[in-house]
């Protein structure tokens, strides 16, 4: 919370006069799997800020936490609200509470940046990038989970302007209670090869394993992928302190096979990331703004650069999460790319200018308007009472 302390300490003048008048919650159903959950904080001076708290099937848990948290910060100033949220022991309150805290923090920072007439990145640090490369996560929207289904979706993403695609094709593999992988990776590898054959050299390819492999099976996978020219292999094994030696071994094999090792999306905050950064367990780390919060992600990005680790935010959900991730990428010295969920459903985007969050020449422009830099169309959302 180092960055949070600096930001709260810098709040002064008219920023201390406005108080939190209301907190509202909204949802948008995107697909059978995904329902976005958004938070809007309204201030007494009319300013409004947004945060994202999507947890899909567990959204109801987050809503319980959000209602409790909202009552705690009601009628407080931005500075007091941020301080209260920063002092809460989320490490013992559960992930739903953590997501709620970070969504409210994002909304308050959005308001703060708007009141200063600054983009959010200017509140967080020095802007280093005007735009960042992006890639399409084609996992959630792929209904035909066979080689031709993945290949068709990958080609559609490339046609839409994405310079890279990521798939998670290992549905037939799972990790048993004994820590050993169960199932066959053959179909997953066939899907990956089908995608590579389709996109060729027109786009880069990444594989997401969702922690389905044990160390030996992960080693076998890395060797089997040597001819795919992968940008990275993500989350092959469980990620905790005990796994760091195994991750270092996998990282070496990845290097020998011309790819990188990525991970870290489930880690929560600076302290959780520290062991993996200090040991350089990954080439690329994927902090998630729901689990880390905007301020901790800023600190993680700076620490990662010191250790030569690249940052690629885990950003597979809604537009508010995307905007927050872009502002963090703007100040991250080692920002590599940003993830975008590709065509998961048919629901139209709830952002007034959706092209702001679409690739242009393989990159996403960092928003430059005040705050998060996007406007949400609330009539397209369901107001949660």
Protein backbone atom coordinates (compact mmCIF):
# COMPACT_ATOMS: atom_id res chain seq x y z
CA UNK A 1 0.00 0.00 0.00
CA UNK A 2 2.99 2.33 -0.46
CA UNK A 3 1.48 4.04 -3.49
CA UNK A 4 -1.86 4.37 -1.68
CA UNK A 5 -0.18 6.15 1.24
CA UNK A 6 1.48 8.61 -1.14
CA UNK A 7 -1.79 9.29 -2.94
CA UNK A 8 -3.86 9.79 0.22
CA UNK A 9 -1.18 12.11 1.61
CA UNK A 10 -1.44 14.25 -1.52
CA UNK A 11 -5.21 14.84 -1.29
CA UNK A 12 -5.95 18.42 -0.28
CA UNK A 13 -8.06 21.50 -0.97
CA UNK A 14 -11.47 21.01 -2.59
CA UNK A 15 -10.82 17.26 -2.77
CA UNK A 16 -11.40 17.07 0.98
CA UNK A 17 -14.76 18.85 0.83
CA UNK A 18 -16.70 16.38 -1.29
CA UNK A 19 -18.08 13.35 0.52
CA UNK A 20 -19.34 9.94 -0.60
CA UNK A 21 -23.06 10.39 -1.20
CA UNK A 22 -24.01 7.01 -2.68
CA UNK A 23 -22.60 3.70 -3.88
CA UNK A 24 -24.52 1.80 -6.54
CA UNK A 25 -24.02 -1.62 -8.07
CA UNK A 26 -24.73 -2.69 -11.64
CA UNK A 27 -24.49 -5.92 -13.61
CA UNK A 28 -24.36 -6.81 -17.29
CA UNK A 29 -24.87 -10.38 -18.50
CA UNK A 30 -22.34 -11.14 -21.26
CA UNK A 31 -22.62 -14.91 -21.58
CA UNK A 32 -23.68 -17.97 -19.63
CA UNK A 33 -20.27 -17.87 -17.93
CA UNK A 34 -19.82 -14.15 -17.41
CA UNK A 35 -21.79 -11.41 -15.70
CA UNK A 36 -19.96 -8.13 -15.20
CA UNK A 37 -20.36 -6.50 -11.79
CA UNK A 38 -19.64 -2.76 -11.58
CA UNK A 39 -19.49 -0.26 -8.72
CA UNK A 40 -20.33 3.44 -9.05
CA UNK A 41 -19.40 5.89 -6.32
CA UNK A 42 -21.26 9.22 -6.40
CA UNK A 43 -19.85 12.23 -4.55
CA UNK A 44 -21.70 15.17 -3.03
CA UNK A 45 -20.27 17.48 -5.71
CA UNK A 46 -21.78 15.38 -8.53
CA UNK A 47 -18.59 13.55 -9.52
CA UNK A 48 -18.89 9.82 -10.15
CA UNK A 49 -16.25 7.09 -10.30
CA UNK A 50 -16.37 3.46 -11.42
CA UNK A 51 -14.76 0.21 -10.34
CA UNK A 52 -15.16 -3.41 -11.45
CA UNK A 53 -15.88 -6.27 -9.05
CA UNK A 54 -16.73 -9.10 -11.45
CA UNK A 55 -16.43 -12.55 -9.87
CA UNK A 56 -18.99 -14.26 -12.14
CA UNK A 57 -20.69 -17.17 -10.36
CA UNK A 58 -19.57 -15.70 -7.02
CA UNK A 59 -20.83 -12.17 -7.70
CA UNK A 60 -23.43 -12.54 -4.93
CA UNK A 61 -20.62 -13.00 -2.40
CA UNK A 62 -18.96 -9.82 -3.65
CA UNK A 63 -22.24 -7.91 -3.40
CA UNK A 64 -22.54 -8.88 0.26
CA UNK A 65 -19.05 -7.52 0.85
CA UNK A 66 -19.70 -4.38 -1.21
CA UNK A 67 -22.79 -3.50 0.81
CA UNK A 68 -20.86 -3.84 4.05
CA UNK A 69 -17.90 -1.86 2.74
CA UNK A 70 -20.11 0.87 1.31
CA UNK A 71 -21.71 1.46 4.69
CA UNK A 72 -18.25 1.87 6.24
CA UNK A 73 -17.14 4.60 3.82
CA UNK A 74 -20.51 6.36 3.52
CA UNK A 75 -20.34 10.16 4.04
CA UNK A 76 -16.53 10.11 4.06
CA UNK A 77 -14.13 12.14 1.93
CA UNK A 78 -12.04 10.51 -0.79
CA UNK A 79 -8.97 10.53 1.44
CA UNK A 80 -10.78 9.03 4.42
CA UNK A 81 -12.51 6.47 2.23
CA UNK A 82 -9.22 5.36 0.68
CA UNK A 83 -7.57 5.21 4.11
CA UNK A 84 -10.37 3.10 5.58
CA UNK A 85 -10.24 0.67 2.67
CA UNK A 86 -6.44 0.52 2.85
CA UNK A 87 -6.48 -0.44 6.52
CA UNK A 88 -9.00 -3.27 6.22
CA UNK A 89 -7.47 -6.74 6.81
CA UNK A 90 -8.51 -8.22 3.48
CA UNK A 91 -5.98 -11.02 3.95
CA UNK A 92 -8.37 -12.60 6.46
CA UNK A 93 -11.71 -11.47 5.05
CA UNK A 94 -11.75 -13.60 1.91
CA UNK A 95 -11.42 -12.98 -1.80
CA UNK A 96 -14.90 -11.53 -2.25
CA UNK A 97 -14.13 -8.83 0.30
CA UNK A 98 -10.77 -8.18 -1.35
CA UNK A 99 -12.45 -7.67 -4.73
CA UNK A 100 -14.96 -5.30 -3.15
CA UNK A 101 -12.24 -3.22 -1.51
CA UNK A 102 -10.26 -2.94 -4.73
CA UNK A 103 -13.32 -2.02 -6.82
CA UNK A 104 -14.23 0.77 -4.41
CA UNK A 105 -10.62 1.94 -4.34
CA UNK A 106 -10.61 2.13 -8.14
CA UNK A 107 -13.86 4.13 -8.14
CA UNK A 108 -12.51 6.63 -5.59
CA UNK A 109 -9.28 7.05 -7.55
CA UNK A 110 -11.34 7.58 -10.70
CA UNK A 111 -13.19 10.40 -8.91
CA UNK A 112 -9.96 11.86 -7.56
CA UNK A 113 -8.35 11.95 -10.99
CA UNK A 114 -11.48 13.56 -12.48
CA UNK A 115 -11.51 16.25 -9.80
CA UNK A 116 -7.89 17.02 -10.68
CA UNK A 117 -8.79 16.94 -14.39
CA UNK A 118 -6.09 14.30 -14.90
CA UNK A 119 -6.02 10.82 -16.43
CA UNK A 120 -5.76 8.14 -13.76
CA UNK A 121 -2.19 7.27 -14.76
CA UNK A 122 -1.10 10.81 -13.78
CA UNK A 123 -2.27 10.12 -10.21
CA UNK A 124 -0.33 6.84 -10.15
CA UNK A 125 3.04 7.89 -11.55
CA UNK A 126 4.93 8.99 -14.64
CA UNK A 127 3.49 8.06 -18.00
CA UNK A 128 5.96 5.91 -19.96
CA UNK A 129 3.75 4.53 -22.73
CA UNK A 130 1.14 6.15 -24.98
CA UNK A 131 -0.14 2.76 -26.06
CA UNK A 132 0.54 -0.91 -25.34
CA UNK A 133 0.36 -4.07 -27.46
CA UNK A 134 -2.63 -6.31 -26.84
CA UNK A 135 -3.75 -9.89 -27.37
CA UNK A 136 -7.04 -11.70 -27.67
CA UNK A 137 -8.07 -14.23 -25.05
CA UNK A 138 -10.26 -16.55 -27.13
CA UNK A 139 -11.05 -19.00 -24.34
CA UNK A 140 -14.46 -18.07 -22.95
CA UNK A 141 -16.18 -17.49 -26.27
CA UNK A 142 -14.95 -20.71 -27.90
CA UNK A 143 -17.90 -23.10 -27.81
CA UNK A 144 -16.52 -25.71 -30.24
CA UNK A 145 -13.52 -26.79 -28.20
CA UNK A 146 -11.91 -28.91 -30.88
CA UNK A 147 -9.03 -28.01 -33.22
CA UNK A 148 -11.20 -26.44 -35.93
CA UNK A 149 -13.24 -24.46 -33.37
CA UNK A 150 -10.15 -22.94 -31.80
CA UNK A 151 -8.60 -22.27 -35.19
CA UNK A 152 -11.70 -20.43 -36.46
CA UNK A 153 -11.84 -18.25 -33.35
CA UNK A 154 -8.13 -17.45 -33.57
CA UNK A 155 -8.47 -16.40 -37.19
CA UNK A 156 -11.46 -14.20 -36.31
CA UNK A 157 -9.38 -12.47 -33.63
CA UNK A 158 -6.52 -11.85 -36.05
CA UNK A 159 -9.01 -10.50 -38.60
CA UNK A 160 -10.27 -8.11 -35.91
CA UNK A 161 -6.79 -6.62 -35.55
CA UNK A 162 -5.23 -8.59 -32.70
CA UNK A 163 -1.51 -9.30 -33.11
CA UNK A 164 -1.58 -12.25 -30.70
CA UNK A 165 -4.03 -14.83 -29.34
CA UNK A 166 -4.19 -16.96 -26.21
CA UNK A 167 -6.10 -20.20 -25.79
CA UNK A 168 -6.66 -22.55 -22.87
CA UNK A 169 -7.29 -25.88 -24.61
CA UNK A 170 -6.46 -28.38 -21.88
CA UNK A 171 -10.01 -29.21 -20.79
CA UNK A 172 -9.17 -32.92 -20.53
CA UNK A 173 -6.42 -32.38 -17.93
CA UNK A 174 -7.00 -31.77 -14.22
CA UNK A 175 -4.87 -31.74 -11.09
CA UNK A 176 -5.76 -34.42 -8.57
CA UNK A 177 -5.85 -34.02 -4.82
CA UNK A 178 -2.52 -35.84 -4.68
CA UNK A 179 -0.91 -33.11 -6.78
CA UNK A 180 -0.63 -35.31 -9.88
CA UNK A 181 -2.15 -34.48 -13.24
CA UNK A 182 -4.96 -36.70 -14.48
CA UNK A 183 -5.98 -36.91 -18.13
CA UNK A 184 -4.52 -36.51 -21.58
CA UNK A 185 -3.01 -33.36 -23.08
CA UNK A 186 -3.11 -34.69 -26.65
CA UNK A 187 -6.31 -32.87 -27.68
CA UNK A 188 -5.03 -29.61 -26.20
CA UNK A 189 -1.81 -29.87 -28.17
CA UNK A 190 -3.75 -30.67 -31.34
CA UNK A 191 -5.83 -27.54 -30.79
CA UNK A 192 -2.70 -25.43 -30.28
CA UNK A 193 -1.15 -26.79 -33.47
CA UNK A 194 -4.34 -26.15 -35.40
CA UNK A 195 -4.33 -22.53 -34.26
CA UNK A 196 -0.67 -22.12 -35.15
CA UNK A 197 -1.23 -23.65 -38.58
CA UNK A 198 -4.08 -21.19 -39.14
CA UNK A 199 -2.52 -17.93 -37.95
CA UNK A 200 1.02 -18.81 -39.03
CA UNK A 201 3.36 -15.86 -38.64
CA UNK A 202 0.54 -13.31 -38.76
CA UNK A 203 0.09 -13.38 -34.98
CA UNK A 204 1.81 -14.61 -31.83
CA UNK A 205 0.44 -17.51 -29.80
CA UNK A 206 0.20 -18.11 -26.04
CA UNK A 207 -1.03 -21.11 -24.07
CA UNK A 208 -2.86 -20.87 -20.74
CA UNK A 209 -2.78 -24.04 -18.63
CA UNK A 210 -4.85 -22.92 -15.61
CA UNK A 211 -2.61 -24.87 -13.17
CA UNK A 212 -3.72 -28.25 -14.55
CA UNK A 213 -0.25 -29.85 -14.71
CA UNK A 214 2.16 -31.26 -12.17
CA UNK A 215 5.83 -30.44 -12.64
CA UNK A 216 6.75 -33.49 -14.72
CA UNK A 217 3.73 -33.13 -17.00
CA UNK A 218 4.49 -29.41 -17.34
CA UNK A 219 8.05 -30.22 -18.40
CA UNK A 220 6.70 -32.66 -20.99
CA UNK A 221 4.31 -29.97 -22.23
CA UNK A 222 7.06 -27.39 -22.69
CA UNK A 223 9.10 -29.85 -24.74
CA UNK A 224 6.04 -30.80 -26.79
CA UNK A 225 5.40 -27.14 -27.59
CA UNK A 226 8.91 -26.43 -28.85
CA UNK A 227 7.78 -26.25 -32.50
CA UNK A 228 4.89 -23.84 -31.80
CA UNK A 229 7.07 -20.74 -31.36
CA UNK A 230 4.99 -19.67 -28.36
CA UNK A 231 5.16 -16.18 -26.86
CA UNK A 232 4.58 -17.73 -23.44
CA UNK A 233 3.14 -20.66 -21.50
CA UNK A 234 0.97 -19.44 -18.63
CA UNK A 235 0.18 -21.00 -15.26
CA UNK A 236 1.28 -24.61 -15.91
CA UNK A 237 1.49 -25.54 -12.21
CA UNK A 238 0.19 -24.36 -8.85
CA UNK A 239 1.68 -21.04 -7.73
CA UNK A 240 2.71 -20.82 -4.08
CA UNK A 241 5.97 -20.42 -2.20
CA UNK A 242 6.64 -24.17 -2.33
CA UNK A 243 6.37 -24.15 -6.13
CA UNK A 244 9.11 -21.57 -6.74
CA UNK A 245 11.94 -24.13 -7.26
CA UNK A 246 9.73 -26.01 -9.71
CA UNK A 247 8.86 -22.78 -11.51
CA UNK A 248 12.52 -21.92 -11.84
CA UNK A 249 13.16 -25.33 -13.39
CA UNK A 250 10.24 -24.87 -15.80
CA UNK A 251 11.45 -21.38 -16.65
CA UNK A 252 14.80 -22.80 -17.73
CA UNK A 253 13.11 -25.42 -19.93
CA UNK A 254 10.91 -22.71 -21.43
CA UNK A 255 14.00 -20.70 -22.34
CA UNK A 256 15.62 -23.75 -23.91
CA UNK A 257 12.51 -24.17 -26.05
CA UNK A 258 12.36 -20.53 -27.12
CA UNK A 259 9.43 -19.35 -25.02
CA UNK A 260 8.63 -17.63 -21.73
CA UNK A 261 6.91 -18.63 -18.50
CA UNK A 262 4.02 -16.46 -17.30
CA UNK A 263 1.81 -16.52 -14.22
CA UNK A 264 0.61 -14.82 -11.07
CA UNK A 265 -2.99 -13.92 -11.90
CA UNK A 266 -4.36 -15.38 -8.66
CA UNK A 267 -1.84 -13.62 -6.37
CA UNK A 268 -3.17 -10.84 -4.16
CA UNK A 269 -1.04 -7.75 -3.71
CA UNK A 270 2.56 -6.70 -3.22
CA UNK A 271 3.44 -9.23 -0.51
CA UNK A 272 2.11 -12.17 -2.50
CA UNK A 273 4.08 -11.14 -5.59
CA UNK A 274 7.32 -10.42 -3.75
CA UNK A 275 8.71 -14.01 -3.50
CA UNK A 276 8.09 -14.64 -7.20
CA UNK A 277 9.63 -11.34 -8.26
CA UNK A 278 12.68 -11.63 -6.01
CA UNK A 279 13.40 -15.13 -7.33
CA UNK A 280 12.49 -14.21 -10.92
CA UNK A 281 10.29 -17.30 -11.04
CA UNK A 282 8.50 -16.00 -14.16
CA UNK A 283 9.56 -14.10 -17.24
CA UNK A 284 6.15 -12.40 -17.28
CA UNK A 285 3.76 -11.77 -14.40
CA UNK A 286 0.02 -11.19 -14.75
CA UNK A 287 -1.34 -9.15 -11.82
CA UNK A 288 -5.13 -8.86 -11.72
CA UNK A 289 -6.60 -5.47 -10.66
CA UNK A 290 -9.46 -7.20 -8.84
CA UNK A 291 -7.08 -9.08 -6.56
CA UNK A 292 -4.26 -6.53 -6.30
CA UNK A 293 -6.00 -3.18 -6.62
CA UNK A 294 -4.83 -0.27 -8.71
CA UNK A 295 -2.33 1.00 -6.15
CA UNK A 296 -0.69 -2.32 -5.34
CA UNK A 297 -0.50 -3.11 -9.06
CA UNK A 298 1.42 0.14 -9.51
CA UNK A 299 3.93 -0.94 -6.85
CA UNK A 300 4.15 -4.46 -8.32
CA UNK A 301 4.90 -2.98 -11.74
CA UNK A 302 7.78 -0.91 -10.36
CA UNK A 303 9.23 -3.84 -8.43
CA UNK A 304 8.94 -6.12 -11.45
CA UNK A 305 10.98 -3.71 -13.55
CA UNK A 306 13.76 -3.71 -10.94
CA UNK A 307 14.03 -7.49 -11.26
CA UNK A 308 13.76 -7.59 -15.04
CA UNK A 309 10.30 -9.18 -15.00
CA UNK A 310 7.75 -8.09 -17.59
CA UNK A 311 4.17 -7.15 -16.71
CA UNK A 312 1.06 -8.19 -18.66
CA UNK A 313 -2.11 -7.49 -16.62
CA UNK A 314 -4.61 -10.29 -16.27
CA UNK A 315 -7.58 -8.60 -17.88
CA UNK A 316 -10.18 -11.06 -19.14
CA UNK A 317 -13.38 -9.34 -18.05
CA UNK A 318 -15.08 -5.96 -18.41
CA UNK A 319 -14.28 -2.47 -19.74
CA UNK A 320 -13.62 -0.85 -16.36
CA UNK A 321 -11.04 -3.51 -15.54
CA UNK A 322 -9.54 -2.90 -18.99
CA UNK A 323 -9.32 0.86 -18.48
CA UNK A 324 -7.69 0.42 -15.06
CA UNK A 325 -5.19 -2.07 -16.50
CA UNK A 326 -4.30 0.37 -19.30
CA UNK A 327 -3.54 3.15 -16.84
CA UNK A 328 -1.28 0.82 -14.86
CA UNK A 329 0.44 -0.30 -18.06
CA UNK A 330 1.03 3.35 -18.92
CA UNK A 331 3.36 3.80 -15.94
CA UNK A 332 4.86 0.28 -15.86
CA UNK A 333 8.47 0.32 -17.12
CA UNK A 334 8.32 -3.32 -18.21
CA UNK A 335 4.76 -3.41 -19.58
CA UNK A 336 4.69 -6.10 -22.27
CA UNK A 337 1.07 -6.43 -23.43
CA UNK A 338 -2.51 -6.35 -22.21
CA UNK A 339 -5.16 -9.05 -22.42
CA UNK A 340 -8.62 -8.48 -23.92
CA UNK A 341 -11.45 -11.01 -23.91
CA UNK A 342 -12.47 -11.56 -27.53
CA UNK A 343 -16.13 -11.72 -28.58
CA UNK A 344 -17.38 -13.75 -25.62
CA UNK A 345 -21.02 -12.91 -26.26
CA UNK A 346 -23.36 -10.85 -28.42
CA UNK A 347 -24.20 -8.23 -25.80
CA UNK A 348 -23.23 -4.74 -27.04
CA UNK A 349 -20.53 -2.96 -25.03
CA UNK A 350 -21.66 -0.63 -22.26
CA UNK A 351 -18.92 1.92 -23.01
CA UNK A 352 -20.00 5.05 -24.90
CA UNK A 353 -16.99 4.89 -27.21
CA UNK A 354 -16.13 1.17 -27.47
CA UNK A 355 -13.44 1.77 -30.10
CA UNK A 356 -11.29 3.26 -27.31
CA UNK A 357 -10.80 -0.29 -26.01
CA UNK A 358 -10.24 -2.00 -29.36
CA UNK A 359 -6.88 -2.68 -31.03
CA UNK A 360 -5.56 -0.17 -33.52
CA UNK A 361 -2.57 -1.51 -35.43
CA UNK A 362 -2.19 -4.19 -32.78
CA UNK A 363 -2.11 -1.74 -29.88
CA UNK A 364 -4.48 -0.10 -27.41
CA UNK A 365 -4.20 3.62 -26.83
CA UNK A 366 -3.93 4.69 -23.19
CA UNK A 367 -7.07 6.74 -22.33
CA UNK A 368 -6.26 10.44 -21.97
CA UNK A 369 -9.54 11.88 -20.66
CA UNK A 370 -9.85 12.57 -16.93
CA UNK A 371 -10.15 9.62 -14.57
CA UNK A 372 -10.42 6.19 -16.13
CA UNK A 373 -11.11 7.97 -19.42
CA UNK A 374 -14.21 5.99 -20.37
CA UNK A 375 -17.92 6.71 -20.02
CA UNK A 376 -20.36 3.98 -18.98
CA UNK A 377 -23.87 3.82 -20.44
CA UNK A 378 -25.88 2.95 -17.33
CA UNK A 379 -29.17 2.30 -19.26
CA UNK A 380 -27.46 -0.80 -20.69
CA UNK A 381 -26.83 -2.14 -17.18
CA UNK A 382 -29.03 -3.78 -14.58
CA UNK A 383 -29.15 -1.72 -11.37
CA UNK A 384 -28.80 -4.04 -8.37
CA UNK A 385 -31.04 -2.95 -5.51
